[in-house]
Protein backbone atom coordinates (compact mmCIF):
# COMPACT_ATOMS: atom_id res chain seq x y z
CA MET A 1 59.49 21.70 -5.47
CA LYS A 2 62.48 19.22 -7.15
CA VAL A 3 65.79 20.37 -6.94
CA THR A 4 67.41 21.06 -10.68
CA ASP A 5 70.98 22.02 -9.37
CA VAL A 6 73.24 22.06 -6.45
CA ARG A 7 77.03 23.78 -6.69
CA ALA A 8 79.06 24.48 -4.43
CA ALA A 9 81.94 27.10 -4.12
CA TYR A 10 85.42 27.87 -2.31
CA PRO A 11 85.14 32.01 -1.53
CA ARG A 12 88.14 34.05 -2.37
CA TRP A 13 88.79 34.73 1.22
CA ARG A 14 91.25 37.02 2.29
CA GLN A 15 91.19 37.31 6.19
CA LEU A 16 91.61 33.28 6.52
CA PRO A 17 92.29 32.01 10.55
CA PRO A 18 96.56 31.60 11.38
CA ALA A 19 98.46 29.65 8.35
CA ASP A 20 99.05 27.11 11.93
CA ALA A 21 95.14 26.32 12.21
CA TRP A 22 93.07 23.97 10.10
CA GLN A 23 91.04 26.21 9.15
CA ALA A 24 92.96 28.49 6.85
CA HIS A 25 93.33 25.16 4.32
CA PHE A 26 89.09 24.11 4.85
CA TRP A 27 87.62 27.55 5.74
CA GLN A 28 83.89 28.36 4.95
CA ILE A 29 81.97 26.97 1.37
CA ALA A 30 79.15 28.28 0.17
CA VAL A 31 76.37 25.98 -1.39
CA ARG A 32 73.40 26.71 -3.73
CA VAL A 33 70.49 24.34 -4.31
CA THR A 34 68.23 25.69 -7.23
CA THR A 35 65.05 24.29 -7.85
CA ASP A 36 62.31 23.93 -10.18
CA VAL A 37 59.66 26.47 -8.47
CA GLY A 38 62.37 29.23 -9.67
CA VAL A 39 63.56 29.47 -5.87
CA THR A 40 67.15 29.02 -4.75
CA GLY A 41 68.59 28.24 -1.59
CA TYR A 42 72.09 28.83 -0.03
CA GLY A 43 73.77 27.05 2.54
CA TYR A 44 77.22 27.24 4.68
CA GLY A 45 79.51 24.64 5.10
CA GLY A 46 83.28 23.88 6.03
CA GLY A 47 86.02 21.99 4.45
CA GLY A 48 87.54 24.33 1.65
CA GLN A 49 88.10 23.01 -1.61
CA PRO A 50 87.73 19.18 -0.57
CA ALA A 51 84.32 19.56 0.19
CA VAL A 52 83.71 21.51 -2.90
CA HIS A 53 84.91 18.41 -4.34
CA VAL A 54 82.25 16.11 -2.52
CA VAL A 55 79.53 18.18 -3.10
CA ASN A 56 80.37 19.35 -7.12
CA ASP A 57 81.14 15.81 -8.22
CA HIS A 58 79.08 13.66 -5.77
CA LEU A 59 76.64 13.93 -3.74
CA ARG A 60 74.79 16.23 -6.11
CA ARG A 61 74.25 13.68 -8.45
CA PHE A 62 71.61 11.98 -4.86
CA LEU A 63 69.93 15.52 -5.09
CA ILE A 64 68.97 16.12 -9.17
CA GLY A 65 65.29 15.84 -9.33
CA ARG A 66 64.52 15.73 -6.06
CA SER A 67 61.32 16.75 -4.20
CA ILE A 68 61.70 18.82 -1.63
CA ASP A 69 58.60 19.62 0.07
CA ASP A 70 59.14 19.62 4.31
CA ASP A 71 61.33 18.52 6.90
CA ALA A 72 61.19 14.95 6.01
CA THR A 73 62.07 15.01 2.74
CA ILE A 74 64.95 16.62 3.74
CA GLY A 75 65.67 14.22 6.41
CA ALA A 76 65.22 11.45 4.08
CA ALA A 77 68.02 13.38 1.47
CA TRP A 78 70.05 13.71 4.59
CA ASP A 79 70.14 10.48 5.08
CA ASP A 80 70.68 8.79 1.58
CA LEU A 81 73.54 12.07 1.39
CA TYR A 82 75.15 10.56 4.83
CA ARG A 83 75.03 6.41 3.57
CA VAL A 84 76.75 7.38 0.51
CA SER A 85 79.59 8.99 1.35
CA ILE A 86 80.20 6.68 4.51
CA PRO A 87 83.01 5.00 2.34
CA TYR A 88 85.06 8.26 2.68
CA GLY A 89 82.90 10.15 5.46
CA ARG A 90 81.04 9.41 8.70
CA GLY A 91 82.71 12.94 9.67
CA GLY A 92 85.33 15.92 8.77
CA VAL A 93 85.50 16.93 5.30
CA ALA A 94 82.37 15.17 4.41
CA GLN A 95 79.93 16.14 6.87
CA MET A 96 80.86 19.66 6.51
CA ALA A 97 79.98 19.04 2.68
CA LEU A 98 76.94 17.69 3.75
CA SER A 99 76.19 20.29 6.15
CA GLY A 100 76.34 22.89 3.02
CA VAL A 101 73.74 21.25 1.71
CA ASP A 102 71.21 21.03 3.95
CA LEU A 103 71.19 24.25 5.10
CA ALA A 104 70.58 25.06 1.47
CA LEU A 105 68.03 23.05 1.67
CA TRP A 106 66.06 24.76 4.82
CA ASP A 107 66.90 28.13 3.15
CA ALA A 108 65.16 26.71 0.60
CA LEU A 109 62.16 25.09 1.66
CA GLY A 110 61.56 28.59 4.01
CA ARG A 111 62.21 30.79 0.96
CA ALA A 112 59.41 28.53 -1.14
CA GLU A 113 57.09 28.77 2.08
CA ARG A 114 57.51 32.40 2.33
CA CYS A 115 58.68 31.83 6.34
CA PRO A 116 61.65 31.95 8.38
CA VAL A 117 64.29 28.86 9.01
CA HIS A 118 63.15 29.17 12.56
CA ARG A 119 59.60 28.49 11.62
CA LEU A 120 60.02 25.43 9.72
CA ILE A 121 62.03 23.90 12.72
CA GLY A 122 59.03 24.75 15.72
CA PRO A 123 57.51 27.86 17.34
CA ARG A 124 59.81 30.36 18.30
CA SER A 125 60.90 29.62 22.36
CA LYS A 126 62.90 32.90 22.20
CA GLY A 127 62.90 36.48 21.84
CA ARG A 128 66.51 38.39 21.69
CA VAL A 129 69.10 35.99 22.46
CA ARG A 130 72.03 36.62 24.59
CA ALA A 131 75.17 36.48 22.98
CA TYR A 132 78.80 36.03 23.71
CA ALA A 133 82.29 37.74 22.10
CA THR A 134 85.02 34.74 21.13
CA GLY A 135 88.12 37.06 21.18
CA GLY A 136 90.65 39.05 23.38
CA ASP A 137 89.13 42.28 23.53
CA LEU A 138 87.57 43.46 25.99
CA GLU A 139 87.34 47.20 24.76
CA LEU A 140 85.27 45.31 22.09
CA ALA A 141 83.32 43.62 23.96
CA ALA A 142 82.17 46.18 26.15
CA ARG A 143 81.00 48.62 23.47
CA TYR A 144 78.49 46.08 21.90
CA GLY A 145 77.56 46.17 25.96
CA TYR A 146 78.36 41.85 25.91
CA SER A 147 77.38 40.04 29.85
CA ALA A 148 79.64 37.09 28.57
CA MET A 149 82.65 36.63 26.71
CA LYS A 150 85.27 33.15 26.06
CA LEU A 151 89.11 33.65 25.87
CA SER A 152 91.30 31.42 24.16
CA HIS A 153 94.44 29.37 25.96
CA ASP A 154 96.34 27.08 24.31
CA TRP A 155 99.07 25.63 27.15
CA ARG A 156 102.76 25.89 26.51
CA GLY A 157 104.05 25.48 29.49
CA GLN A 158 104.37 26.40 33.27
CA ASP A 159 104.19 30.24 32.74
CA ASP A 160 101.19 29.41 31.07
CA PHE A 161 99.22 29.49 33.98
CA ASP A 162 99.95 32.68 35.13
CA SER A 163 99.03 33.91 31.60
CA ALA A 164 95.23 31.67 32.08
CA VAL A 165 94.82 33.85 36.03
CA GLU A 166 95.73 37.13 34.19
CA GLY A 167 93.24 37.46 31.12
CA VAL A 168 90.27 35.46 33.31
CA ALA A 169 90.67 37.69 35.81
CA ALA A 170 91.45 41.03 33.60
CA ALA A 171 87.74 39.72 31.77
CA ARG A 172 85.98 39.33 35.13
CA ALA A 173 87.37 43.20 36.17
CA ALA A 174 85.70 44.65 32.62
CA LEU A 175 82.88 42.99 32.01
CA GLY A 176 82.20 42.67 36.13
CA PRO A 177 81.25 39.92 38.92
CA ALA A 178 77.78 38.92 36.83
CA ALA A 179 79.01 37.94 33.53
CA GLN A 180 79.98 35.06 32.12
CA ILE A 181 83.89 34.02 31.30
CA MET A 182 84.08 30.76 29.29
CA ILE A 183 87.77 29.47 28.11
CA ASP A 184 88.87 27.80 25.13
CA CYS A 185 91.45 25.79 25.56
CA TYR A 186 91.25 23.98 22.20
CA MET A 187 92.41 20.55 22.97
CA SER A 188 95.73 22.03 24.68
CA TRP A 189 95.18 21.43 27.85
CA PRO A 190 96.31 18.12 30.05
CA VAL A 191 93.91 16.47 32.39
CA GLY A 192 96.32 17.33 35.24
CA VAL A 193 96.23 21.17 34.15
CA ALA A 194 92.62 21.87 33.85
CA ALA A 195 91.96 20.37 37.61
CA ARG A 196 94.76 22.65 38.34
CA MET A 197 93.43 25.74 36.69
CA ALA A 198 89.92 25.10 38.03
CA GLU A 199 91.35 25.75 41.50
CA LEU A 200 93.75 28.63 40.63
CA LEU A 201 90.67 30.02 38.42
CA ALA A 202 88.31 29.67 41.45
CA PRO A 203 87.29 33.16 42.81
CA TYR A 204 86.82 34.46 38.95
CA ALA A 205 84.24 31.83 38.57
CA PRO A 206 84.91 30.98 35.27
CA HIS A 207 81.85 29.30 33.54
CA TRP A 208 83.26 26.98 31.02
CA PHE A 209 86.61 25.39 29.95
CA GLU A 210 85.82 24.36 26.01
CA ASP A 211 88.11 21.57 24.36
CA VAL A 212 90.45 20.92 27.04
CA ALA A 213 91.04 17.53 25.27
CA THR A 214 90.49 15.48 21.69
CA PRO A 215 87.28 14.29 21.02
CA ASP A 216 89.19 11.10 21.50
CA HIS A 217 89.88 11.11 25.42
CA LEU A 218 86.16 10.55 26.24
CA GLY A 219 87.23 8.69 29.01
CA GLU A 220 89.69 11.51 30.16
CA LEU A 221 87.21 14.10 30.56
CA ALA A 222 84.48 12.13 31.92
CA ALA A 223 86.73 11.37 34.91
CA LEU A 224 87.98 15.13 34.80
CA ARG A 225 84.57 16.89 35.17
CA PRO A 226 83.95 16.43 39.08
CA ARG A 227 87.01 17.54 39.57
CA VAL A 228 86.52 20.67 37.84
CA LYS A 229 83.22 21.69 39.28
CA PRO A 230 81.35 23.93 39.41
CA VAL A 231 83.30 24.53 36.04
CA LEU A 232 81.43 23.26 32.81
CA LEU A 233 83.94 20.80 30.87
CA ALA A 234 82.51 21.55 27.06
CA GLY A 235 82.77 20.09 23.03
CA GLY A 236 82.19 19.25 20.58
CA GLU A 237 82.47 21.33 17.58
CA HIS A 238 84.68 18.93 16.17
CA ASP A 239 81.78 16.17 16.70
CA TYR A 240 80.09 15.99 13.70
CA THR A 241 77.80 13.21 13.87
CA PRO A 242 74.29 11.98 15.75
CA ALA A 243 76.65 8.79 16.36
CA ALA A 244 79.61 10.96 17.73
CA PHE A 245 77.41 12.86 20.14
CA ALA A 246 75.93 9.52 20.88
CA GLU A 247 79.06 7.79 22.06
CA VAL A 248 79.78 11.76 24.00
CA GLY A 249 76.90 11.00 26.00
CA ARG A 250 77.26 6.95 26.62
CA ARG A 251 80.44 8.11 27.83
CA GLY A 252 79.50 10.94 30.26
CA ALA A 253 82.77 13.09 28.84
CA LEU A 254 80.95 16.47 28.69
CA ASP A 255 78.78 19.09 30.79
CA LEU A 256 77.40 20.88 27.56
CA TRP A 257 77.15 20.16 23.77
CA GLN A 258 78.41 22.75 21.11
CA PRO A 259 77.46 21.51 17.80
CA ASP A 260 78.45 23.35 15.07
CA VAL A 261 75.34 23.79 12.21
CA THR A 262 78.40 23.66 9.25
CA TRP A 263 79.60 21.09 10.28
CA ALA A 264 77.76 18.12 12.07
CA GLY A 265 75.19 17.76 9.22
CA GLY A 266 73.08 21.09 9.11
CA ILE A 267 69.95 21.75 10.74
CA THR A 268 68.68 18.48 10.03
CA GLY A 269 71.39 16.57 12.38
CA ALA A 270 71.65 19.28 14.71
CA LEU A 271 68.12 18.29 15.61
CA ARG A 272 69.05 15.14 15.90
CA ILE A 273 71.88 15.71 18.15
CA LEU A 274 69.40 18.27 20.29
CA ASP A 275 67.08 15.07 20.49
CA LEU A 276 70.13 13.02 21.82
CA ALA A 277 71.27 15.82 24.37
CA ARG A 278 67.55 15.55 25.95
CA ARG A 279 67.65 11.76 26.44
CA HIS A 280 71.24 12.31 28.39
CA GLY A 281 69.71 15.52 29.82
CA VAL A 282 72.88 17.79 28.30
CA PRO A 283 72.27 21.48 27.73
CA VAL A 284 73.62 22.47 24.00
CA VAL A 285 75.39 26.04 22.78
CA PRO A 286 75.50 25.52 19.01
CA HIS A 287 79.35 26.35 18.42
CA ARG A 288 79.45 29.73 16.26
CA GLY A 289 75.41 29.79 17.10
CA GLY A 290 75.02 34.34 16.43
CA GLU A 291 75.72 33.04 12.89
CA PRO A 292 72.17 33.21 11.45
CA TRP A 293 71.97 28.95 11.34
CA GLY A 294 72.61 28.74 14.23
CA LEU A 295 70.28 31.65 15.50
CA HIS A 296 67.27 29.92 13.80
CA LEU A 297 67.89 27.07 15.62
CA ILE A 298 69.06 28.52 18.74
CA VAL A 299 65.03 30.82 18.67
CA ALA A 300 63.13 27.70 17.92
CA THR A 301 64.89 24.64 20.14
CA ASP A 302 65.20 23.94 23.44
CA CYS A 303 69.30 25.15 22.97
CA ILE A 304 70.83 27.70 25.88
CA ASP A 305 69.69 31.58 25.27
CA LEU A 306 73.12 31.62 24.27
CA ALA A 307 75.01 32.50 20.96
CA GLU A 308 78.26 32.52 19.99
CA THR A 309 79.72 35.82 18.15
CA MET A 310 83.36 37.44 16.90
CA PRO A 311 82.71 41.15 17.01
CA ALA A 312 86.50 41.72 15.44
CA ARG A 313 84.36 40.32 12.34
CA TRP A 314 81.90 43.97 11.43
CA GLN A 315 85.59 45.92 11.81
CA GLU A 316 87.24 46.82 9.11
CA PRO A 317 88.81 45.59 6.68
CA ARG A 318 85.23 43.58 6.78
CA GLU A 319 85.05 40.87 4.31
CA ASP A 320 81.33 39.55 4.38
CA LEU A 321 80.26 36.62 2.44
CA TRP A 322 76.33 37.08 4.03
CA ILE A 323 74.50 39.90 3.25
CA GLY A 324 72.22 41.08 6.07
CA GLU A 325 73.78 38.36 8.60
CA PRO A 326 72.25 40.21 12.23
CA GLN A 327 74.44 41.72 14.63
CA VAL A 328 75.01 42.04 18.10
CA LEU A 329 73.53 45.37 19.65
CA ASP A 330 73.42 45.63 23.67
CA GLY A 331 74.94 41.99 24.21
CA SER A 332 71.60 40.65 22.49
CA ILE A 333 70.88 39.44 18.70
CA GLU A 334 68.10 37.69 16.62
CA PRO A 335 67.23 36.21 13.62
CA GLY A 336 65.05 37.97 11.46
CA ASP A 337 61.65 36.88 9.84
CA GLU A 338 62.58 37.06 6.12
CA PRO A 339 62.18 33.84 4.00
CA GLY A 340 65.37 31.53 4.96
CA PHE A 341 68.35 31.99 6.58
CA GLY A 342 67.25 36.54 5.95
CA VAL A 343 70.32 36.76 4.34
CA ARG A 344 71.71 37.02 0.76
CA LEU A 345 74.85 35.46 -0.65
CA ASN A 346 77.74 37.98 -1.48
CA GLU A 347 78.68 37.42 -5.36
CA ALA A 348 80.92 39.19 -5.42
CA LEU A 349 83.53 36.65 -3.83
CA LEU A 350 82.45 34.00 -5.53
């Protein structure tokens, strides 16, 4: 099967994150790969219009005419695309663009082989995957039957200790003593604040603190880990390459890794990161793992049986770029067995 064309597009998004978040300016892109056997593959990447430019005006020229027949040929394509983007890449927008291309190649291969991507990755090791809700709507979480939830908390000053305790206490009361409760700090908690939070929140047994500091603070994170135990330090959504995760592992900075499949090199990049995680004995829970791309990875590998979802996305008014995405039922979620990633692109948004 040979690639005949590669095109990326930035959807006409209407429901974007707040304007002060980077996602509002560089949100997700769709990538389409066409082949000489009549099969079209679709991928999902990040980076907004700049990533579209990277795909359409640079990366595509290295793929047209290329044979894609198995994971090895996709891996070879990944290596070549990564190499030619090194002068402006090695992470960030360039890697987000590469992620969308890689996922489209895996989707095309699955469709050509008439099998789901998870079967291309390896034997399925999980059935339905336990889902966790990201967001603050406790009523919505209860309605979908979640037994795990992640709250967001930005540090803005001394009074934020109280708001963190109130939020976690409310989640614990609503979800019960057996639920897992996590906190996304989004790189806003000073190390001393995180250590104090672990003390104040101990009665509510939080499972992990996510993105306590930036990816540039690996030494500080490594020193913080023993201070907050048994709370885990999680992170990695802003580490985009196997090389970046190799350094995280070498420094012992995190208890749990969270690569985003649509940002960290697609399935190919994620599998390489998983290999590193095994060497370091670190568990992996993909960022936004409840989306099709992450779900196929989770059920076919030793990723933790836990998938991040955003239930607010399923409420009206909806903006579905992908038709046929799985949804949480009784607190769990699973990918389908349709060829590729099992979803269709909503062309009306392009």
